[in-house]
């Protein structure tokens, strides 16, 4: 499961980086002001935090409590991004994040089972 989380994390980071670059290019083409509020910047950064944590946690040898606390914080950080996707009418883009969360949960379960054995 760790390998699956690594692969999905790298794909998620790459796709989100491409998305940010496309947003930057599109904002340069418009005639409106490109001032982004801090809330928008935090919202756009949350997938980087989420996928970054998932990637780092898939490589590290974390104790189960620190992995659980870090995972809870990372999953809470992504909720505003998912809410925004659903609010904007593009819930399809949230599906990979939900799949990633399920894979990360499986990785955590394997980690606990490995420590209990």
Protein backbone atom coordinates (compact mmCIF):
# COMPACT_ATOMS: atom_id res chain seq x y z
CA UNK A 1 0.00 0.00 0.00
CA UNK A 2 2.94 2.33 0.65
CA UNK A 3 3.94 2.13 -3.01
CA UNK A 4 0.40 2.98 -4.09
CA UNK A 5 0.37 6.01 -1.78
CA UNK A 6 3.76 7.12 -3.13
CA UNK A 7 2.59 6.88 -6.73
CA UNK A 8 -0.74 8.63 -6.10
CA UNK A 9 1.02 11.34 -4.08
CA UNK A 10 3.52 12.08 -6.84
CA UNK A 11 0.77 12.09 -9.47
CA UNK A 12 -1.38 14.38 -7.29
CA UNK A 13 1.50 16.80 -6.73
CA UNK A 14 2.30 16.85 -10.44
CA UNK A 15 -1.28 17.41 -11.54
CA UNK A 16 -1.82 20.14 -8.98
CA UNK A 17 1.41 21.88 -10.02
CA UNK A 18 0.21 21.77 -13.63
CA UNK A 19 -3.16 23.17 -12.51
CA UNK A 20 -1.43 26.06 -10.68
CA UNK A 21 0.70 26.81 -13.75
CA UNK A 22 -2.41 26.85 -15.97
CA UNK A 23 -4.16 29.18 -13.52
CA UNK A 24 -1.14 31.47 -13.59
CA UNK A 25 -1.10 31.50 -17.38
CA UNK A 26 -4.83 32.14 -17.56
CA UNK A 27 -4.64 35.01 -15.07
CA UNK A 28 -1.97 36.64 -17.22
CA UNK A 29 -4.33 36.58 -20.18
CA UNK A 30 -7.25 38.30 -18.46
CA UNK A 31 -7.84 42.03 -18.20
CA UNK A 32 -9.01 41.87 -14.61
CA UNK A 33 -6.89 42.31 -11.54
CA UNK A 34 -4.93 39.20 -10.61
CA UNK A 35 -4.83 39.97 -6.89
CA UNK A 36 -5.52 36.77 -4.97
CA UNK A 37 -6.65 36.86 -1.38
CA UNK A 38 -4.73 34.97 1.27
CA UNK A 39 -7.69 32.62 1.67
CA UNK A 40 -7.47 31.69 -2.00
CA UNK A 41 -3.74 31.10 -1.75
CA UNK A 42 -4.16 28.88 1.31
CA UNK A 43 -6.94 27.01 -0.46
CA UNK A 44 -4.72 26.41 -3.50
CA UNK A 45 -1.81 25.34 -1.28
CA UNK A 46 -3.81 22.76 0.67
CA UNK A 47 -3.40 19.96 -1.94
CA UNK A 48 0.37 20.52 -1.83
CA UNK A 49 0.30 20.12 1.94
CA UNK A 50 -1.93 17.06 1.68
CA UNK A 51 -0.13 15.20 -1.09
CA UNK A 52 3.24 16.23 0.32
CA UNK A 53 2.41 14.77 3.72
CA UNK A 54 1.11 11.57 2.13
CA UNK A 55 4.31 11.25 0.12
CA UNK A 56 6.59 11.89 3.10
CA UNK A 57 4.62 9.56 5.36
CA UNK A 58 4.85 6.76 2.80
CA UNK A 59 8.66 6.87 2.93
CA UNK A 60 9.20 7.41 6.62
CA UNK A 61 9.17 4.99 9.49
CA UNK A 62 6.68 6.81 11.66
CA UNK A 63 5.34 5.59 14.94
CA UNK A 64 1.66 4.89 14.70
CA UNK A 65 0.56 7.77 16.97
CA UNK A 66 2.60 10.43 15.12
CA UNK A 67 1.41 9.02 11.80
CA UNK A 68 -2.21 9.17 12.98
CA UNK A 69 -1.94 12.76 14.28
CA UNK A 70 -0.15 13.96 11.13
CA UNK A 71 -2.65 12.16 8.92
CA UNK A 72 -5.61 13.69 10.74
CA UNK A 73 -4.14 17.19 10.35
CA UNK A 74 -3.38 16.63 6.64
CA UNK A 75 -6.86 15.27 5.98
CA UNK A 76 -8.44 18.19 7.80
CA UNK A 77 -6.36 20.62 5.70
CA UNK A 78 -7.80 19.21 2.46
CA UNK A 79 -11.46 19.50 3.49
CA UNK A 80 -11.83 23.22 2.55
CA UNK A 81 -10.42 22.43 -0.90
CA UNK A 82 -12.93 19.60 -1.37
CA UNK A 83 -15.79 21.79 -0.15
CA UNK A 84 -14.77 24.45 -2.66
CA UNK A 85 -14.69 21.87 -5.47
CA UNK A 86 -18.21 20.74 -4.63
CA UNK A 87 -19.40 24.33 -4.22
CA UNK A 88 -17.99 25.29 -7.63
CA UNK A 89 -19.73 22.34 -9.27
CA UNK A 90 -16.67 20.25 -10.11
CA UNK A 91 -16.86 17.38 -7.61
CA UNK A 92 -15.26 15.05 -10.17
CA UNK A 93 -11.88 16.59 -9.37
CA UNK A 94 -12.29 15.59 -5.73
CA UNK A 95 -12.51 11.88 -6.52
CA UNK A 96 -8.70 11.36 -6.71
CA UNK A 97 -8.33 13.00 -3.30
CA UNK A 98 -10.96 10.69 -1.81
CA UNK A 99 -9.22 7.67 -3.39
CA UNK A 100 -5.92 8.93 -1.97
CA UNK A 101 -7.48 9.22 1.49
CA UNK A 102 -8.70 5.62 1.29
CA UNK A 103 -5.25 4.42 0.19
CA UNK A 104 -3.59 6.39 2.98
CA UNK A 105 -6.03 4.83 5.47
CA UNK A 106 -5.07 1.39 4.15
CA UNK A 107 -1.40 2.26 4.56
CA UNK A 108 -2.04 3.36 8.14
CA UNK A 109 -3.94 0.14 8.85
CA UNK A 110 -1.03 -1.90 7.46
CA UNK A 111 1.37 0.10 9.62
CA UNK A 112 -0.63 -0.69 12.75
CA UNK A 113 -0.94 -4.36 11.83
CA UNK A 114 2.82 -4.53 11.24
CA UNK A 115 3.60 -2.99 14.65
CA UNK A 116 1.16 -5.29 16.44
CA UNK A 117 2.70 -8.42 14.91
